[in-house]
Amino acid sequence: MVRVRVRWTGVLALVGVVLASGCSGGNGNSEADQDAGGQPAVRAAPPAGDTSPLVMTSAELMERLDEPDAPVILDVRSPEEYAEGHIPGAINIPYDRIGAQLGSLEDYRERDLVVYCRTGRRAGVAEEVLSKAGFEQIWDLEGHMVAWRDANLPVGVPAADCC
C-alpha cells in the first residue's frame, strides 16, 4: 500500500483559492454591475426554467419606483410590522398567507415582483411559493427592510384613523 503524505498548508491554500474564485466579494457593486455612467446596471430576468429570485438593491428599487413599469413590491411581514413602516407602495401579504392569496397577485404575474421582509427568511419562503405558482420575475430585496431603513430611504405608514 502506498501512503501519501498530505501537506495541509497546500490543501488549505487550494481551498482558499477555490473559494475566492467563486465569490465576488465586496458589496456587489463591482464595475461589471454598473453601466457606462457608473450607475447600477439593469439586470436581466432569469433564464427560462431558473426559479431562483434575482437580487435588487435598495438603491435600484428606489430608482425604479418612479418608472412607468415600476416593480410590484410585496411586503411579506405581519400586518403589525407593515403598519410600523413599509416601503411606499408595498402590498402587504404575510408570507404564511401567500399561497392562499395568489389570486390577488394574478394581475402582476408578468411584472417584476420585489419581495421583502425584515431580514430575508420569510421572503425566501414566499419567493418559493411564488416560483412554484409560476411567477417568473421574482426579485429578492437585498438586505430587506433592515437595509432599506439603514439607507434612510422613505418609509410609509398607513394614515391614522381620524376623529
Protein backbone atom coordinates (compact mmCIF):
# COMPACT_ATOMS: atom_id res chain seq x y z
CA MET A 1 0.00 0.00 0.00
CA VAL A 2 1.25 3.45 -0.94
CA ARG A 3 0.91 6.19 1.62
CA VAL A 4 0.63 9.76 0.56
CA ARG A 5 1.74 12.46 2.87
CA VAL A 6 -0.52 15.47 2.67
CA ARG A 7 0.74 18.92 3.37
CA TRP A 8 -2.21 20.66 4.99
CA THR A 9 -0.93 24.11 4.20
CA GLY A 10 -1.14 23.28 0.49
CA VAL A 11 -4.63 21.83 0.84
CA LEU A 12 -5.83 24.87 2.78
CA ALA A 13 -4.31 27.21 0.19
CA LEU A 14 -6.06 25.33 -2.61
CA VAL A 15 -9.40 25.50 -0.76
CA GLY A 16 -8.89 29.24 -0.27
CA VAL A 17 -8.20 29.77 -3.99
CA VAL A 18 -11.29 27.79 -4.97
CA LEU A 19 -13.50 29.72 -2.53
CA ALA A 20 -12.08 33.08 -3.55
CA SER A 21 -12.60 32.40 -7.25
CA GLY A 22 -16.25 31.51 -6.65
CA CYS A 23 -17.04 34.63 -4.66
CA SER A 24 -17.11 38.15 -6.00
CA GLY A 25 -16.51 39.64 -2.57
CA GLY A 26 -17.23 43.26 -1.74
CA ASN A 27 -20.67 44.72 -1.66
CA GLY A 28 -21.86 43.59 -5.07
CA ASN A 29 -21.15 46.96 -6.66
CA SER A 30 -18.34 45.89 -8.96
CA GLU A 31 -17.68 47.70 -12.23
CA ALA A 32 -19.43 44.85 -14.03
CA ASP A 33 -22.60 45.76 -12.11
CA GLN A 34 -22.52 49.35 -13.39
CA ASP A 35 -23.36 50.91 -16.74
CA ALA A 36 -21.04 53.30 -18.59
CA GLY A 37 -22.19 56.20 -16.41
CA GLY A 38 -21.33 54.38 -13.20
CA GLN A 39 -25.00 53.78 -12.39
CA PRO A 40 -26.26 50.35 -11.31
CA ALA A 41 -26.81 48.21 -14.38
CA VAL A 42 -30.28 46.88 -15.07
CA ARG A 43 -30.18 43.15 -14.57
CA ALA A 44 -31.88 40.81 -16.98
CA ALA A 45 -34.65 38.47 -15.94
CA PRO A 46 -33.51 34.96 -15.02
CA PRO A 47 -33.21 32.42 -17.83
CA ALA A 48 -36.30 30.33 -18.54
CA GLY A 49 -36.58 27.48 -16.09
CA ASP A 50 -34.44 29.20 -13.43
CA THR A 51 -36.60 29.50 -10.34
CA SER A 52 -34.16 31.36 -8.09
CA PRO A 53 -35.01 35.01 -7.46
CA LEU A 54 -32.76 37.77 -8.68
CA VAL A 55 -31.48 40.33 -6.21
CA MET A 56 -32.29 44.03 -6.34
CA THR A 57 -30.58 46.56 -4.09
CA SER A 58 -32.47 49.26 -2.23
CA ALA A 59 -30.88 51.88 -4.48
CA GLU A 60 -32.01 50.04 -7.61
CA LEU A 61 -35.54 49.72 -6.28
CA MET A 62 -35.63 53.38 -5.30
CA GLU A 63 -34.58 54.37 -8.85
CA ARG A 64 -37.29 52.20 -10.37
CA LEU A 65 -40.18 53.40 -8.19
CA ASP A 66 -40.97 56.32 -10.49
CA GLU A 67 -40.71 54.36 -13.75
CA PRO A 68 -43.87 53.51 -15.67
CA ASP A 69 -43.05 49.81 -15.33
CA ALA A 70 -42.09 50.06 -11.64
CA PRO A 71 -41.93 46.69 -9.93
CA VAL A 72 -44.68 45.46 -7.68
CA ILE A 73 -43.39 45.48 -4.10
CA LEU A 74 -44.56 42.70 -1.83
CA ASP A 75 -44.06 43.07 1.93
CA VAL A 76 -44.43 39.61 3.49
CA ARG A 77 -44.14 40.73 7.12
CA SER A 78 -47.00 40.75 9.59
CA PRO A 79 -49.69 43.46 9.35
CA GLU A 80 -48.32 44.93 12.58
CA GLU A 81 -44.80 45.24 11.14
CA TYR A 82 -46.22 46.73 7.95
CA ALA A 83 -48.15 49.32 9.98
CA GLU A 84 -44.94 50.35 11.76
CA GLY A 85 -43.40 51.30 8.41
CA HIS A 86 -43.06 49.84 4.92
CA ILE A 87 -41.63 50.66 1.53
CA PRO A 88 -44.02 53.15 -0.08
CA GLY A 89 -46.47 51.41 -2.40
CA ALA A 90 -45.81 47.95 -0.98
CA ILE A 91 -48.60 45.40 -0.84
CA ASN A 92 -48.77 43.54 2.46
CA ILE A 93 -49.45 39.81 2.34
CA PRO A 94 -47.83 37.88 5.21
CA TYR A 95 -45.53 35.11 3.99
CA ASP A 96 -47.67 32.37 5.51
CA ARG A 97 -50.72 33.58 3.55
CA ILE A 98 -49.09 33.91 0.11
CA GLY A 99 -50.43 30.57 -1.12
CA ALA A 100 -53.99 31.48 -0.19
CA GLN A 101 -53.64 34.97 -1.70
CA LEU A 102 -52.12 34.04 -5.08
CA GLY A 103 -55.32 35.15 -6.83
CA SER A 104 -54.83 38.72 -5.62
CA LEU A 105 -51.39 38.75 -7.26
CA GLU A 106 -52.52 37.30 -10.60
CA ASP A 107 -52.57 40.72 -12.31
CA TYR A 108 -48.87 41.08 -11.51
CA ARG A 109 -47.71 37.74 -12.96
CA GLU A 110 -45.94 39.41 -15.93
CA ARG A 111 -44.31 42.18 -13.88
CA ASP A 112 -41.20 42.34 -11.76
CA LEU A 113 -42.17 41.36 -8.22
CA VAL A 114 -39.82 42.54 -5.44
CA VAL A 115 -40.29 40.59 -2.22
CA TYR A 116 -39.03 41.68 1.18
CA CYS A 117 -39.43 41.07 4.89
CA ARG A 118 -37.30 42.25 7.80
CA THR A 119 -34.12 40.29 7.06
CA GLY A 120 -34.90 37.71 4.36
CA ARG A 121 -36.08 34.40 5.85
CA ARG A 122 -39.79 34.95 5.34
CA ALA A 123 -39.23 36.47 1.91
CA GLY A 124 -37.42 33.27 0.88
CA VAL A 125 -40.43 31.20 1.88
CA ALA A 126 -42.78 33.49 -0.05
CA GLU A 127 -40.49 33.52 -3.11
CA GLU A 128 -40.52 29.73 -3.21
CA VAL A 129 -44.35 29.66 -3.14
CA LEU A 130 -44.49 32.28 -5.89
CA SER A 131 -41.99 30.42 -8.01
CA LYS A 132 -43.88 27.14 -7.69
CA ALA A 133 -47.05 29.02 -8.69
CA GLY A 134 -45.39 30.06 -11.96
CA PHE A 135 -44.27 33.61 -11.18
CA GLU A 136 -41.00 34.11 -13.03
CA GLN A 137 -39.92 37.70 -12.43
CA ILE A 138 -39.23 37.42 -8.70
CA TRP A 139 -36.67 39.73 -7.12
CA ASP A 140 -35.34 39.49 -3.57
CA LEU A 141 -34.65 42.87 -1.97
CA GLU A 142 -31.03 42.81 -0.84
CA GLY A 143 -30.83 43.45 2.91
CA HIS A 144 -34.62 43.69 3.12
CA MET A 145 -36.27 46.25 5.43
CA VAL A 146 -33.22 46.48 7.67
CA ALA A 147 -31.08 47.72 4.76
CA TRP A 148 -33.87 50.00 3.49
CA ARG A 149 -34.07 51.74 6.87
CA ASP A 150 -30.27 51.80 7.28
CA ALA A 151 -30.07 53.66 3.95
CA ASN A 152 -32.57 56.24 5.28
CA LEU A 153 -34.91 55.63 2.38
CA PRO A 154 -38.56 56.69 2.60
CA VAL A 155 -40.84 54.65 4.82
CA GLY A 156 -44.60 54.77 4.50
CA VAL A 157 -47.08 54.30 7.31
CA PRO A 158 -50.83 53.86 6.98
CA ALA A 159 -52.85 57.00 7.60
CA ALA A 160 -54.08 57.22 11.15
CA ASP A 161 -57.79 56.91 11.74
CA CYS A 162 -59.15 60.33 12.24
CA CYS A 163 -61.81 61.57 14.59
